[in-house]
Amino acid sequence: MNPTHVRLTIPDNVDPTSVMGPTDALLRRIERAFDAMITVRGNVISLTGPADVVNMVTTVFSRLISMVETGQVPTEADVDLVIEQVTHGAGELPPSSDDILLTYRGRALRPKTAGQRRYIEAIRRNTITFGIGPAGTGKTYLAMAMAVAALKRREVARIVLVRPVIEAGESLGYLPGTLQEKLDPYIRPLYDALFDMTDMERGNALIEQGIIEIAPLAFMRGRTMNNAFVILDEAQNTTPDQMKMFLTRLGFSSKFVVTGDVTQRDLLGTNGLDVARRVLEGLDDIAFVDLNRNDIVRHTLVARIVDAYEASEKGEERK
């Protein structure tokens, strides 16, 4: 089979150095990932190799060029993510201009995969959105970004972050301190996301003022959430009764986002996330968005870990 030859021209408004990386670090990463000959002369990239490989490399460079055109500076992590998405057929990326929030460091937060784009659009369109998928798909992080953005636009008056207080397979015993200090280990992932978007001093001030509230799921009974953006994290660890209780806290001018990973449960028995899907899927103004390994935006090894566990579980089911 004859090799395929493609010439890709970098637009004049794009700096080739940003596409290739400092000392061609990004170019070298792409060369190691694909069995194709890549030659760069000025703003022209020449590709030679099997047709399917050349098509993938062309897609990788096209996405990097698009990133630079929108003002981003691609990193090695960005390149690894794009390569992972392209080689696993993740489809087209969402437009890079679809910003959710500008962090206090000036970094634009935006969906990085087609699945994340569906998730964000579902949150915008619906009052209640369920984001379901494996670790690293951005379920909690993007929900937090949407919440902070809604607060900044004064679309809501407060953010309420909710989690079931369930230990992940080990007992921590009785923790000392105030209620807030006891909850901190369980809520830490939500804090991490919050402080990545707004500086720690500002975030703590919002918490002290009650504008951002951290609440264990058990303390939601009897409340009504008006004019609030409410995130229930780790929903796979809820019981059906807890999930029903939480969803019926919905008040006026509020938005609920429920996130969960059904493969990482720490609670025995029927879980509230599965029951909610069976009962509520198809109702107006409620959306269920499934994210998968193509939406994982952590270290590329995370996607392979997820694949390995899924393969192992399927093998056990066949025995």
C-alpha atoms as a PDB file:
ATOM      1  CA  MET A   1       0.000   0.000   0.000  1.00  0.00           C
ATOM      2  CA  ASN A   2       1.396   3.358  -1.050  1.00  0.00           C
ATOM      3  CA  PRO A   3       1.980   5.895   1.737  1.00  0.00           C
ATOM      4  CA  THR A   4      -0.219   8.976   2.005  1.00  0.00           C
ATOM      5  CA  HIS A   5       1.293  12.459   1.766  1.00  0.00           C
ATOM      6  CA  VAL A   6      -0.364  15.513   3.335  1.00  0.00           C
ATOM      7  CA  ARG A   7       0.833  19.116   3.590  1.00  0.00           C
ATOM      8  CA  LEU A   8      -0.707  21.183   6.380  1.00  0.00           C
ATOM      9  CA  THR A   9      -0.160  24.952   6.361  1.00  0.00           C
ATOM     10  CA  ILE A  10      -0.142  26.851   9.659  1.00  0.00           C
ATOM     11  CA  PRO A  11      -2.101  30.127   9.240  1.00  0.00           C
ATOM     12  CA  ASP A  12      -0.097  33.357   9.224  1.00  0.00           C
ATOM     13  CA  ASN A  13      -1.796  34.506  12.449  1.00  0.00           C
ATOM     14  CA  VAL A  14      -0.554  31.441  14.339  1.00  0.00           C
ATOM     15  CA  ASP A  15       2.961  31.227  15.774  1.00  0.00           C
ATOM     16  CA  PRO A  16       4.458  27.853  14.695  1.00  0.00           C
ATOM     17  CA  THR A  17       6.535  27.813  17.883  1.00  0.00           C
ATOM     18  CA  SER A  18       3.355  27.647  19.977  1.00  0.00           C
ATOM     19  CA  VAL A  19       2.125  24.684  17.931  1.00  0.00           C
ATOM     20  CA  MET A  20       5.421  22.790  18.116  1.00  0.00           C
ATOM     21  CA  GLY A  21       6.241  23.776  21.685  1.00  0.00           C
ATOM     22  CA  PRO A  22       9.460  25.089  23.225  1.00  0.00           C
ATOM     23  CA  THR A  23      12.430  23.344  21.559  1.00  0.00           C
ATOM     24  CA  ASP A  24       9.852  21.318  19.571  1.00  0.00           C
ATOM     25  CA  ALA A  25       8.751  19.436  22.703  1.00  0.00           C
ATOM     26  CA  LEU A  26       5.164  19.039  21.473  1.00  0.00           C
ATOM     27  CA  LEU A  27       6.321  17.933  18.021  1.00  0.00           C
ATOM     28  CA  ARG A  28       8.545  15.246  19.560  1.00  0.00           C
ATOM     29  CA  ARG A  29       5.600  13.996  21.622  1.00  0.00           C
ATOM     30  CA  ILE A  30       3.478  13.625  18.493  1.00  0.00           C
ATOM     31  CA  GLU A  31       6.299  11.881  16.629  1.00  0.00           C
ATOM     32  CA  ARG A  32       6.621   9.298  19.412  1.00  0.00           C
ATOM     33  CA  ALA A  33       2.881   8.611  19.358  1.00  0.00           C
ATOM     34  CA  PHE A  34       2.450   7.935  15.633  1.00  0.00           C
ATOM     35  CA  ASP A  35       4.245   5.843  13.031  1.00  0.00           C
ATOM     36  CA  ALA A  36       4.476   8.648  10.476  1.00  0.00           C
ATOM     37  CA  MET A  37       7.197  10.901   9.075  1.00  0.00           C
ATOM     38  CA  ILE A  38       6.657  14.513  10.163  1.00  0.00           C
ATOM     39  CA  THR A  39       8.694  17.321   8.607  1.00  0.00           C
ATOM     40  CA  VAL A  40       8.265  20.998   9.514  1.00  0.00           C
ATOM     41  CA  ARG A  41       9.593  23.768   7.308  1.00  0.00           C
ATOM     42  CA  GLY A  42       8.523  27.242   8.371  1.00  0.00           C
ATOM     43  CA  ASN A  43       4.739  27.179   8.566  1.00  0.00           C
ATOM     44  CA  VAL A  44       4.314  23.995   6.484  1.00  0.00           C
ATOM     45  CA  ILE A  45       3.902  20.573   8.121  1.00  0.00           C
ATOM     46  CA  SER A  46       4.506  17.608   5.787  1.00  0.00           C
ATOM     47  CA  LEU A  47       3.140  14.209   6.817  1.00  0.00           C
ATOM     48  CA  THR A  48       3.922  10.831   5.237  1.00  0.00           C
ATOM     49  CA  GLY A  49       2.662   7.419   6.313  1.00  0.00           C
ATOM     50  CA  PRO A  50      -0.345   5.070   6.294  1.00  0.00           C
ATOM     51  CA  ALA A  51      -3.570   6.904   5.445  1.00  0.00           C
ATOM     52  CA  ASP A  52      -5.279   6.301   8.800  1.00  0.00           C
ATOM     53  CA  VAL A  53      -2.203   7.415  10.752  1.00  0.00           C
ATOM     54  CA  VAL A  54      -1.714  10.535   8.626  1.00  0.00           C
ATOM     55  CA  ASN A  55      -5.384  11.436   9.138  1.00  0.00           C
ATOM     56  CA  MET A  56      -4.965  11.177  12.903  1.00  0.00           C
ATOM     57  CA  VAL A  57      -1.777  13.268  12.931  1.00  0.00           C
ATOM     58  CA  THR A  58      -3.487  15.873  10.743  1.00  0.00           C
ATOM     59  CA  THR A  59      -6.345  16.029  13.262  1.00  0.00           C
ATOM     60  CA  VAL A  60      -3.896  16.457  16.162  1.00  0.00           C
ATOM     61  CA  PHE A  61      -2.092  19.368  14.497  1.00  0.00           C
ATOM     62  CA  SER A  62      -5.401  20.944  13.402  1.00  0.00           C
ATOM     63  CA  ARG A  63      -6.655  20.931  16.985  1.00  0.00           C
ATOM     64  CA  LEU A  64      -3.418  22.428  18.297  1.00  0.00           C
ATOM     65  CA  ILE A  65      -3.604  25.177  15.655  1.00  0.00           C
ATOM     66  CA  SER A  66      -7.218  25.892  16.696  1.00  0.00           C
ATOM     67  CA  MET A  67      -6.127  26.168  20.325  1.00  0.00           C
ATOM     68  CA  VAL A  68      -3.416  28.687  19.463  1.00  0.00           C
ATOM     69  CA  GLU A  69      -5.859  30.678  17.302  1.00  0.00           C
ATOM     70  CA  THR A  70      -8.105  31.155  20.356  1.00  0.00           C
ATOM     71  CA  GLY A  71      -5.228  32.427  22.492  1.00  0.00           C
ATOM     72  CA  GLN A  72      -4.309  29.209  24.277  1.00  0.00           C
ATOM     73  CA  VAL A  73      -0.773  27.914  24.677  1.00  0.00           C
ATOM     74  CA  PRO A  74      -0.850  24.113  24.290  1.00  0.00           C
ATOM     75  CA  THR A  75       1.046  22.116  26.893  1.00  0.00           C
ATOM     76  CA  GLU A  76       2.396  18.580  26.827  1.00  0.00           C
ATOM     77  CA  ALA A  77      -0.656  17.509  28.838  1.00  0.00           C
ATOM     78  CA  ASP A  78      -2.909  19.080  26.182  1.00  0.00           C
ATOM     79  CA  VAL A  79      -1.082  17.179  23.450  1.00  0.00           C
ATOM     80  CA  ASP A  80      -1.353  13.891  25.355  1.00  0.00           C
ATOM     81  CA  LEU A  81      -5.091  14.464  25.790  1.00  0.00           C
ATOM     82  CA  VAL A  82      -5.645  15.267  22.110  1.00  0.00           C
ATOM     83  CA  ILE A  83      -3.618  12.225  21.038  1.00  0.00           C
ATOM     84  CA  GLU A  84      -5.618  10.020  23.407  1.00  0.00           C
ATOM     85  CA  GLN A  85      -8.905  11.379  22.056  1.00  0.00           C
ATOM     86  CA  VAL A  86      -7.902  11.044  18.409  1.00  0.00           C
ATOM     87  CA  THR A  87      -6.522   7.502  18.697  1.00  0.00           C
ATOM     88  CA  HIS A  88      -9.666   6.335  20.530  1.00  0.00           C
ATOM     89  CA  GLY A  89     -12.110   7.955  18.130  1.00  0.00           C
ATOM     90  CA  ALA A  90     -13.457  10.556  20.536  1.00  0.00           C
ATOM     91  CA  GLY A  91     -14.883  12.606  17.664  1.00  0.00           C
ATOM     92  CA  GLU A  92     -14.733  16.339  17.198  1.00  0.00           C
ATOM     93  CA  LEU A  93     -13.766  18.566  20.074  1.00  0.00           C
ATOM     94  CA  PRO A  94     -16.142  21.342  21.107  1.00  0.00           C
ATOM     95  CA  PRO A  95     -15.368  24.869  19.912  1.00  0.00           C
ATOM     96  CA  SER A  96     -12.492  26.298  21.925  1.00  0.00           C
ATOM     97  CA  SER A  97     -14.351  29.581  22.373  1.00  0.00           C
ATOM     98  CA  ASP A  98     -17.056  27.964  24.527  1.00  0.00           C
ATOM     99  CA  ASP A  99     -15.696  29.431  27.771  1.00  0.00           C
ATOM    100  CA  ILE A 100     -17.466  28.740  31.055  1.00  0.00           C
ATOM    101  CA  LEU A 101     -15.416  30.838  33.432  1.00  0.00           C
ATOM    102  CA  LEU A 102     -12.192  32.821  33.659  1.00  0.00           C
ATOM    103  CA  THR A 103     -10.302  31.778  36.797  1.00  0.00           C
ATOM    104  CA  TYR A 104      -8.582  34.262  39.086  1.00  0.00           C
ATOM    105  CA  ARG A 105      -5.299  33.257  37.403  1.00  0.00           C
ATOM    106  CA  GLY A 106      -6.736  34.303  34.033  1.00  0.00           C
ATOM    107  CA  ARG A 107      -7.148  30.745  32.724  1.00  0.00           C
ATOM    108  CA  ALA A 108     -10.263  30.082  30.659  1.00  0.00           C
ATOM    109  CA  LEU A 109     -12.240  27.003  31.701  1.00  0.00           C
ATOM    110  CA  ARG A 110     -14.000  25.279  28.822  1.00  0.00           C
ATOM    111  CA  PRO A 111     -15.143  21.759  27.906  1.00  0.00           C
ATOM    112  CA  LYS A 112     -12.321  19.708  26.415  1.00  0.00           C
ATOM    113  CA  THR A 113     -14.338  16.840  24.929  1.00  0.00           C
ATOM    114  CA  ALA A 114     -17.592  16.374  23.049  1.00  0.00           C
ATOM    115  CA  GLY A 115     -19.078  14.637  26.090  1.00  0.00           C
ATOM    116  CA  GLN A 116     -18.145  17.514  28.370  1.00  0.00           C
ATOM    117  CA  ARG A 117     -19.750  19.894  25.890  1.00  0.00           C
ATOM    118  CA  ARG A 118     -23.023  17.904  26.079  1.00  0.00           C
ATOM    119  CA  TYR A 119     -22.788  18.021  29.865  1.00  0.00           C
ATOM    120  CA  ILE A 120     -22.336  21.793  29.957  1.00  0.00           C
ATOM    121  CA  GLU A 121     -25.175  22.373  27.496  1.00  0.00           C
ATOM    122  CA  ALA A 122     -27.445  20.109  29.550  1.00  0.00           C
ATOM    123  CA  ILE A 123     -26.706  22.115  32.710  1.00  0.00           C
ATOM    124  CA  ARG A 124     -27.488  25.344  30.870  1.00  0.00           C
ATOM    125  CA  ARG A 125     -30.791  24.048  29.462  1.00  0.00           C
ATOM    126  CA  ASN A 126     -32.173  22.009  32.356  1.00  0.00           C
ATOM    127  CA  THR A 127     -33.091  22.628  35.977  1.00  0.00           C
ATOM    128  CA  ILE A 128     -31.736  19.238  37.101  1.00  0.00           C
ATOM    129  CA  THR A 129     -28.787  17.549  35.393  1.00  0.00           C
ATOM    130  CA  PHE A 130     -27.216  14.199  36.231  1.00  0.00           C
ATOM    131  CA  GLY A 131     -23.568  13.795  35.175  1.00  0.00           C
ATOM    132  CA  ILE A 132     -22.587  10.117  35.276  1.00  0.00           C
ATOM    133  CA  GLY A 133     -19.177   8.763  34.355  1.00  0.00           C
ATOM    134  CA  PRO A 134     -15.802   7.445  35.519  1.00  0.00           C
ATOM    135  CA  ALA A 135     -13.131   9.312  37.436  1.00  0.00           C
ATOM    136  CA  GLY A 136     -11.383  12.128  35.599  1.00  0.00           C
ATOM    137  CA  THR A 137     -14.215  13.117  33.259  1.00  0.00           C
ATOM    138  CA  GLY A 138     -14.685  16.524  34.913  1.00  0.00           C
ATOM    139  CA  LYS A 139     -18.166  15.889  36.351  1.00  0.00           C
ATOM    140  CA  THR A 140     -17.595  17.767  39.608  1.00  0.00           C
ATOM    141  CA  TYR A 141     -15.081  20.290  38.278  1.00  0.00           C
ATOM    142  CA  LEU A 142     -17.285  21.500  35.422  1.00  0.00           C
ATOM    143  CA  ALA A 143     -20.342  21.610  37.680  1.00  0.00           C
ATOM    144  CA  MET A 144     -18.374  23.803  40.088  1.00  0.00           C
ATOM    145  CA  ALA A 145     -17.259  26.041  37.212  1.00  0.00           C
ATOM    146  CA  MET A 146     -20.867  26.467  36.102  1.00  0.00           C
ATOM    147  CA  ALA A 147     -21.901  27.247  39.681  1.00  0.00           C
ATOM    148  CA  VAL A 148     -19.200  29.893  40.199  1.00  0.00           C
ATOM    149  CA  ALA A 149     -20.017  31.424  36.797  1.00  0.00           C
ATOM    150  CA  ALA A 150     -23.732  31.591  37.692  1.00  0.00           C
ATOM    151  CA  LEU A 151     -22.874  33.248  41.014  1.00  0.00           C
ATOM    152  CA  LYS A 152     -20.655  35.826  39.306  1.00  0.00           C
ATOM    153  CA  ARG A 153     -23.450  36.627  36.832  1.00  0.00           C
ATOM    154  CA  ARG A 154     -25.876  36.969  39.794  1.00  0.00           C
ATOM    155  CA  GLU A 155     -28.100  34.260  38.332  1.00  0.00           C
ATOM    156  CA  VAL A 156     -28.123  32.646  41.795  1.00  0.00           C
ATOM    157  CA  ALA A 157     -27.558  34.061  45.267  1.00  0.00           C
ATOM    158  CA  ARG A 158     -25.572  31.155  46.659  1.00  0.00           C
ATOM    159  CA  ILE A 159     -23.883  27.835  45.950  1.00  0.00           C
ATOM    160  CA  VAL A 160     -24.628  24.761  48.035  1.00  0.00           C
ATOM    161  CA  LEU A 161     -22.191  21.842  47.859  1.00  0.00           C
ATOM    162  CA  VAL A 162     -23.593  18.544  49.113  1.00  0.00           C
ATOM    163  CA  ARG A 163     -21.983  15.158  49.666  1.00  0.00           C
ATOM    164  CA  PRO A 164     -23.022  11.952  51.409  1.00  0.00           C
ATOM    165  CA  VAL A 165     -20.637  11.368  54.315  1.00  0.00           C
ATOM    166  CA  ILE A 166     -19.479   7.874  53.382  1.00  0.00           C
ATOM    167  CA  GLU A 167     -15.927   6.622  53.953  1.00  0.00           C
ATOM    168  CA  ALA A 168     -14.187   5.008  50.991  1.00  0.00           C
ATOM    169  CA  GLY A 169     -13.684   1.476  52.281  1.00  0.00           C
ATOM    170  CA  GLU A 170     -11.968   2.387  55.548  1.00  0.00           C
ATOM    171  CA  SER A 171     -13.065   3.807  58.867  1.00  0.00           C
ATOM    172  CA  LEU A 172     -11.596   7.103  60.012  1.00  0.00           C
ATOM    173  CA  GLY A 173     -13.232   6.809  63.428  1.00  0.00           C
ATOM    174  CA  TYR A 174     -14.515   9.844  65.291  1.00  0.00           C
ATOM    175  CA  LEU A 175     -12.918  13.000  63.952  1.00  0.00           C
ATOM    176  CA  PRO A 176     -12.160  15.879  66.350  1.00  0.00           C
ATOM    177  CA  GLY A 177     -13.219  19.490  65.961  1.00  0.00           C
ATOM    178  CA  THR A 178     -16.295  21.387  64.853  1.00  0.00           C
ATOM    179  CA  LEU A 179     -18.867  20.033  62.412  1.00  0.00           C
ATOM    180  CA  GLN A 180     -17.155  21.910  59.564  1.00  0.00           C
ATOM    181  CA  GLU A 181     -13.786  20.421  60.513  1.00  0.00           C
ATOM    182  CA  LYS A 182     -15.308  16.936  60.651  1.00  0.00           C
ATOM    183  CA  LEU A 183     -16.746  17.403  57.159  1.00  0.00           C
ATOM    184  CA  ASP A 184     -13.574  18.798  55.572  1.00  0.00           C
ATOM    185  CA  PRO A 185     -12.040  15.408  54.613  1.00  0.00           C
ATOM    186  CA  TYR A 186     -15.223  14.435  52.773  1.00  0.00           C
ATOM    187  CA  ILE A 187     -15.732  17.798  51.062  1.00  0.00           C
ATOM    188  CA  ARG A 188     -12.069  18.346  50.119  1.00  0.00           C
ATOM    189  CA  PRO A 189     -12.533  17.524  46.383  1.00  0.00           C
ATOM    190  CA  LEU A 190     -15.153  20.290  46.168  1.00  0.00           C
ATOM    191  CA  TYR A 191     -12.820  22.708  47.943  1.00  0.00           C
ATOM    192  CA  ASP A 192     -10.026  21.805  45.524  1.00  0.00           C
ATOM    193  CA  ALA A 193     -12.220  22.656  42.544  1.00  0.00           C
ATOM    194  CA  LEU A 194     -13.460  25.883  44.156  1.00  0.00           C
ATOM    195  CA  PHE A 195      -9.989  27.156  45.060  1.00  0.00           C
ATOM    196  CA  ASP A 196      -8.757  26.418  41.530  1.00  0.00           C
ATOM    197  CA  MET A 197     -11.327  28.895  40.220  1.00  0.00           C
ATOM    198  CA  THR A 198     -11.279  31.593  42.873  1.00  0.00           C
ATOM    199  CA  ASP A 199      -8.349  32.355  45.160  1.00  0.00           C
ATOM    200  CA  MET A 200      -8.376  30.734  48.599  1.00  0.00           C
ATOM    201  CA  GLU A 201      -8.919  34.017  50.466  1.00  0.00           C
ATOM    202  CA  ARG A 202     -11.951  34.925  48.355  1.00  0.00           C
ATOM    203  CA  GLY A 203     -13.296  31.365  48.504  1.00  0.00           C
ATOM    204  CA  ASN A 204     -13.020  31.216  52.294  1.00  0.00           C
ATOM    205  CA  ALA A 205     -14.705  34.622  52.569  1.00  0.00           C
ATOM    206  CA  LEU A 206     -17.658  33.376  50.504  1.00  0.00           C
ATOM    207  CA  ILE A 207     -17.901  30.307  52.741  1.00  0.00           C
ATOM    208  CA  GLU A 208     -17.774  32.408  55.936  1.00  0.00           C
ATOM    209  CA  GLN A 209     -20.522  34.677  54.557  1.00  0.00           C
ATOM    210  CA  GLY A 210     -22.705  31.675  53.758  1.00  0.00           C
ATOM    211  CA  ILE A 211     -22.728  32.485  50.034  1.00  0.00           C
ATOM    212  CA  ILE A 212     -21.027  29.126  49.469  1.00  0.00           C
ATOM    213  CA  GLU A 213     -22.363  26.482  51.813  1.00  0.00           C
ATOM    214  CA  ILE A 214     -20.934  23.028  52.460  1.00  0.00           C
ATOM    215  CA  ALA A 215     -23.574  20.589  53.658  1.00  0.00           C
ATOM    216  CA  PRO A 216     -23.709  16.857  54.377  1.00  0.00           C
ATOM    217  CA  LEU A 217     -26.598  15.182  52.588  1.00  0.00           C
ATOM    218  CA  ALA A 218     -28.185  14.140  55.878  1.00  0.00           C
ATOM    219  CA  PHE A 219     -28.649  17.810  56.830  1.00  0.00           C
ATOM    220  CA  MET A 220     -30.693  18.644  53.721  1.00  0.00           C
ATOM    221  CA  ARG A 221     -33.950  17.195  55.034  1.00  0.00           C
ATOM    222  CA  GLY A 222     -36.660  19.811  55.584  1.00  0.00           C
ATOM    223  CA  ARG A 223     -34.891  22.537  53.597  1.00  0.00           C
ATOM    224  CA  THR A 224     -35.958  24.286  50.395  1.00  0.00           C
ATOM    225  CA  MET A 225     -33.256  25.538  48.044  1.00  0.00           C
ATOM    226  CA  ASN A 226     -34.415  28.812  46.439  1.00  0.00           C
ATOM    227  CA  ASN A 227     -32.195  30.930  44.160  1.00  0.00           C
ATOM    228  CA  ALA A 228     -29.298  28.502  44.570  1.00  0.00           C
ATOM    229  CA  PHE A 229     -26.946  26.394  42.470  1.00  0.00           C
ATOM    230  CA  VAL A 230     -26.776  23.046  44.274  1.00  0.00           C
ATOM    231  CA  ILE A 231     -24.251  20.301  43.498  1.00  0.00           C
ATOM    232  CA  LEU A 232     -24.680  16.779  44.912  1.00  0.00           C
ATOM    233  CA  ASP A 233     -21.364  14.983  44.486  1.00  0.00           C
ATOM    234  CA  GLU A 234     -20.664  11.230  44.795  1.00  0.00           C
ATOM    235  CA  ALA A 235     -24.361  10.483  44.280  1.00  0.00           C
ATOM    236  CA  GLN A 236     -23.644   6.771  43.755  1.00  0.00           C
ATOM    237  CA  ASN A 237     -23.309   6.631  47.545  1.00  0.00           C
ATOM    238  CA  THR A 238     -26.884   7.745  48.198  1.00  0.00           C
ATOM    239  CA  THR A 239     -29.824   5.500  49.036  1.00  0.00           C
ATOM    240  CA  PRO A 240     -33.031   5.823  46.961  1.00  0.00           C
ATOM    241  CA  ASP A 241     -34.729   7.607  49.889  1.00  0.00           C
ATOM    242  CA  GLN A 242     -31.842  10.062  50.236  1.00  0.00           C
ATOM    243  CA  MET A 243     -31.907  10.850  46.516  1.00  0.00           C
ATOM    244  CA  LYS A 244     -35.662  11.457  46.584  1.00  0.00           C
ATOM    245  CA  MET A 245     -35.236  13.670  49.646  1.00  0.00           C
ATOM    246  CA  PHE A 246     -32.490  15.683  47.961  1.00  0.00           C
ATOM    247  CA  LEU A 247     -34.303  16.211  44.655  1.00  0.00           C
ATOM    248  CA  THR A 248     -37.440  17.399  46.436  1.00  0.00           C
ATOM    249  CA  ARG A 249     -35.441  20.220  48.090  1.00  0.00           C
ATOM    250  CA  LEU A 250     -35.634  22.064  44.742  1.00  0.00           C
ATOM    251  CA  GLY A 251     -37.020  25.580  45.093  1.00  0.00           C
ATOM    252  CA  PHE A 252     -37.620  28.494  42.751  1.00  0.00           C
ATOM    253  CA  SER A 253     -34.877  29.952  40.523  1.00  0.00           C
ATOM    254  CA  SER A 254     -32.505  27.127  41.418  1.00  0.00           C
ATOM    255  CA  LYS A 255     -30.414  24.629  39.493  1.00  0.00           C
ATOM    256  CA  PHE A 256     -29.369  21.153  40.674  1.00  0.00           C
ATOM    257  CA  VAL A 257     -26.442  19.125  39.347  1.00  0.00           C
ATOM    258  CA  VAL A 258     -25.986  15.534  40.534  1.00  0.00           C
ATOM    259  CA  THR A 259     -22.687  13.772  39.801  1.00  0.00           C
ATOM    260  CA  GLY A 260     -21.698  10.167  40.311  1.00  0.00           C
ATOM    261  CA  ASP A 261     -19.626   7.204  39.192  1.00  0.00           C
ATOM    262  CA  VAL A 262     -21.563   3.947  39.478  1.00  0.00           C
ATOM    263  CA  THR A 263     -18.315   1.943  39.316  1.00  0.00           C
ATOM    264  CA  GLN A 264     -16.994   3.440  42.580  1.00  0.00           C
ATOM    265  CA  ARG A 265     -19.598   2.731  45.233  1.00  0.00           C
ATOM    266  CA  ASP A 266     -18.909   2.612  48.969  1.00  0.00           C
ATOM    267  CA  LEU A 267     -22.519   1.888  49.960  1.00  0.00           C
ATOM    268  CA  LEU A 268     -24.063  -1.574  49.815  1.00  0.00           C
ATOM    269  CA  GLY A 269     -27.506  -2.206  48.382  1.00  0.00           C
ATOM    270  CA  THR A 270     -29.550  -0.329  45.790  1.00  0.00           C
ATOM    271  CA  ASN A 271     -28.156   3.136  45.121  1.00  0.00           C
ATOM    272  CA  GLY A 272     -30.170   6.289  44.616  1.00  0.00           C
ATOM    273  CA  LEU A 273     -28.470   7.211  41.342  1.00  0.00           C
ATOM    274  CA  ASP A 274     -29.661   4.068  39.533  1.00  0.00           C
ATOM    275  CA  VAL A 275     -33.185   4.404  40.889  1.00  0.00           C
ATOM    276  CA  ALA A 276     -33.358   8.094  39.961  1.00  0.00           C
ATOM    277  CA  ARG A 277     -32.421   7.292  36.379  1.00  0.00           C
ATOM    278  CA  ARG A 278     -35.030   4.551  36.106  1.00  0.00           C
ATOM    279  CA  VAL A 279     -37.762   6.752  37.567  1.00  0.00           C
ATOM    280  CA  LEU A 280     -36.925  10.193  36.150  1.00  0.00           C
ATOM    281  CA  GLU A 281     -35.289   9.666  32.759  1.00  0.00           C
ATOM    282  CA  GLY A 282     -37.478  11.182  30.067  1.00  0.00           C
ATOM    283  CA  LEU A 283     -39.061  13.865  32.260  1.00  0.00           C
ATOM    284  CA  ASP A 284     -38.932  17.420  30.935  1.00  0.00           C
ATOM    285  CA  ASP A 285     -36.263  19.718  32.417  1.00  0.00           C
ATOM    286  CA  ILE A 286     -34.238  16.764  33.761  1.00  0.00           C
ATOM    287  CA  ALA A 287     -31.193  15.555  31.815  1.00  0.00           C
ATOM    288  CA  PHE A 288     -28.938  12.525  32.188  1.00  0.00           C
ATOM    289  CA  VAL A 289     -25.505  12.880  30.571  1.00  0.00           C
ATOM    290  CA  ASP A 290     -23.201   9.876  30.317  1.00  0.00           C
ATOM    291  CA  LEU A 291     -19.477  10.559  30.170  1.00  0.00           C
ATOM    292  CA  ASN A 292     -17.023   7.810  29.248  1.00  0.00           C
ATOM    293  CA  ARG A 293     -13.327   7.065  28.934  1.00  0.00           C
ATOM    294  CA  ASN A 294     -13.097   9.399  25.919  1.00  0.00           C
ATOM    295  CA  ASP A 295     -14.001  12.284  28.254  1.00  0.00           C
ATOM    296  CA  ILE A 296     -11.243  11.601  30.793  1.00  0.00           C
ATOM    297  CA  VAL A 297      -9.027  14.673  30.992  1.00  0.00           C
ATOM    298  CA  ARG A 298      -6.638  13.626  33.734  1.00  0.00           C
ATOM    299  CA  HIS A 299      -3.320  11.882  33.109  1.00  0.00           C
ATOM    300  CA  THR A 300      -3.703   9.591  30.083  1.00  0.00           C
ATOM    301  CA  LEU A 301      -2.893   6.625  32.319  1.00  0.00           C
ATOM    302  CA  VAL A 302      -6.244   7.159  34.089  1.00  0.00           C
ATOM    303  CA  ALA A 303      -8.112   6.202  30.904  1.00  0.00           C
ATOM    304  CA  ARG A 304      -6.066   3.022  30.600  1.00  0.00           C
ATOM    305  CA  ILE A 305      -6.703   2.178  34.260  1.00  0.00           C
ATOM    306  CA  VAL A 306     -10.453   2.559  33.679  1.00  0.00           C
ATOM    307  CA  ASP A 307     -10.217   0.333  30.591  1.00  0.00           C
ATOM    308  CA  ALA A 308      -8.264  -2.326  32.485  1.00  0.00           C
ATOM    309  CA  TYR A 309     -10.795  -2.480  35.319  1.00  0.00           C
ATOM    310  CA  GLU A 310     -13.724  -2.636  32.901  1.00  0.00           C
ATOM    311  CA  ALA A 311     -12.070  -5.478  30.976  1.00  0.00           C
ATOM    312  CA  SER A 312     -11.388  -7.348  34.214  1.00  0.00           C
ATOM    313  CA  GLU A 313     -14.976  -6.929  35.403  1.00  0.00           C
ATOM    314  CA  LYS A 314     -16.371  -8.147  32.063  1.00  0.00           C
ATOM    315  CA  GLY A 315     -14.075 -11.178  32.240  1.00  0.00           C
ATOM    316  CA  GLU A 316     -15.345 -12.009  35.732  1.00  0.00           C
ATOM    317  CA  GLU A 317     -18.964 -11.690  34.546  1.00  0.00           C
ATOM    318  CA  ARG A 318     -18.346 -14.241  31.769  1.00  0.00           C
ATOM    319  CA  LYS A 319     -16.937 -16.827  34.217  1.00  0.00           C
END
